[in-house]
Amino acid sequence: MHGKLDGTWTVDFPTARSGTTGLWWNGRKGGGHYVISGSTIMLTPKHGGNCKTKGKYRFTLSGNTLRFTTINDTCTERRDILTYGPWTTTG
């Protein structure tokens, strides 16, 4: 990502099915809510965040590599962040 979204991104999905997600960018916290069903995840933004709509993604986890593929998301920033490249999982 070259530009205003450059930096270190961390995302946290604390439970296997649904909950509140944490999203950190260079130490700033964002997030919202998520629901996982099979290999899809629906993301609902937090009130007052940059994204105003829900986003739906397919995800694959292979070893410690997590990838997101857009199913439907009108929030360009979230889509660019999640699909830019693979994420590395910890724990």
Protein backbone atom coordinates (compact mmCIF):
# COMPACT_ATOMS: atom_id res chain seq x y z
CA MET A 1 0.00 0.00 0.00
CA HIS A 2 1.82 3.11 -0.88
CA GLY A 3 0.29 6.19 0.62
CA LYS A 4 -1.87 7.17 3.55
CA LEU A 5 -2.50 3.55 4.64
CA ASP A 6 1.19 2.60 4.89
CA GLY A 7 2.35 1.33 8.23
CA THR A 8 1.97 -1.60 10.56
CA TRP A 9 -1.48 -3.17 10.72
CA THR A 10 -2.70 -5.65 13.34
CA VAL A 11 -6.14 -7.24 13.48
CA ASP A 12 -7.59 -9.36 16.27
CA PHE A 13 -10.52 -11.79 16.06
CA PRO A 14 -10.62 -13.01 19.68
CA THR A 15 -13.23 -15.75 19.27
CA ALA A 16 -13.91 -18.33 16.56
CA ARG A 17 -17.42 -17.25 15.55
CA SER A 18 -18.25 -13.64 16.40
CA GLY A 19 -17.33 -10.71 18.57
CA THR A 20 -15.62 -7.37 18.64
CA THR A 21 -12.54 -7.05 16.50
CA GLY A 22 -9.59 -4.86 17.22
CA LEU A 23 -7.78 -3.17 14.36
CA TRP A 24 -4.60 -1.23 15.03
CA TRP A 25 -2.65 0.92 12.62
CA ASN A 26 0.60 2.42 13.82
CA GLY A 27 -0.76 2.26 17.37
CA ARG A 28 -4.20 3.76 16.61
CA LYS A 29 -7.18 1.55 17.40
CA GLY A 30 -10.19 0.97 15.18
CA GLY A 31 -12.36 -2.07 14.79
CA GLY A 32 -15.97 -3.11 14.87
CA HIS A 33 -17.84 -6.40 14.99
CA TYR A 34 -17.46 -9.61 13.03
CA VAL A 35 -19.37 -12.82 12.36
CA ILE A 36 -17.64 -15.87 10.89
CA SER A 37 -19.59 -18.55 9.03
CA GLY A 38 -17.50 -21.30 7.46
CA SER A 39 -14.85 -19.53 5.40
CA THR A 40 -16.63 -16.16 5.22
CA ILE A 41 -16.49 -13.21 7.57
CA MET A 42 -18.92 -10.28 7.79
CA LEU A 43 -17.41 -7.10 9.22
CA THR A 44 -19.56 -4.36 10.72
CA PRO A 45 -17.73 -1.09 11.38
CA LYS A 46 -17.73 0.63 14.74
CA HIS A 47 -19.87 3.73 15.09
CA GLY A 48 -17.94 6.81 14.02
CA GLY A 49 -15.27 4.88 12.09
CA ASN A 50 -14.08 5.54 8.53
CA CYS A 51 -16.18 2.73 7.03
CA LYS A 52 -19.96 3.17 7.12
CA THR A 53 -21.07 -0.13 5.54
CA LYS A 54 -20.61 -3.83 6.21
CA GLY A 55 -18.04 -5.83 4.28
CA LYS A 56 -18.11 -9.52 3.44
CA TYR A 57 -14.95 -11.53 2.72
CA ARG A 58 -13.86 -15.08 2.08
CA PHE A 59 -10.76 -16.04 4.02
CA THR A 60 -8.20 -18.81 3.88
CA LEU A 61 -5.82 -19.81 6.61
CA SER A 62 -2.83 -21.94 5.67
CA GLY A 63 -0.27 -22.44 8.42
CA ASN A 64 0.26 -18.96 9.79
CA THR A 65 -0.79 -17.17 6.58
CA LEU A 66 -4.24 -15.55 6.44
CA ARG A 67 -5.65 -14.14 3.19
CA PHE A 68 -8.86 -12.22 2.53
CA THR A 69 -10.78 -12.10 -0.77
CA THR A 70 -13.54 -9.55 -1.22
CA ILE A 71 -17.07 -10.86 -1.70
CA ASN A 72 -18.78 -7.49 -1.23
CA ASP A 73 -17.43 -4.30 0.33
CA THR A 74 -17.99 -0.68 -0.68
CA CYS A 75 -15.45 0.63 1.87
CA THR A 76 -12.32 1.11 -0.23
CA GLU A 77 -9.97 1.60 2.73
CA ARG A 78 -11.02 -1.62 4.50
CA ARG A 79 -10.94 -3.56 1.22
CA ASP A 80 -7.45 -2.27 0.40
CA ILE A 81 -6.15 -3.04 3.89
CA LEU A 82 -7.51 -6.58 4.10
CA THR A 83 -6.70 -7.70 0.55
CA TYR A 84 -3.35 -5.96 -0.01
CA GLY A 85 -1.39 -9.12 0.79
CA PRO A 86 -1.18 -12.00 3.21
CA TRP A 87 -1.46 -11.50 6.97
CA THR A 88 0.75 -13.42 9.38
CA THR A 89 -1.03 -15.02 12.30
CA THR A 90 0.33 -15.29 15.82
CA GLY A 91 -1.18 -17.70 18.29
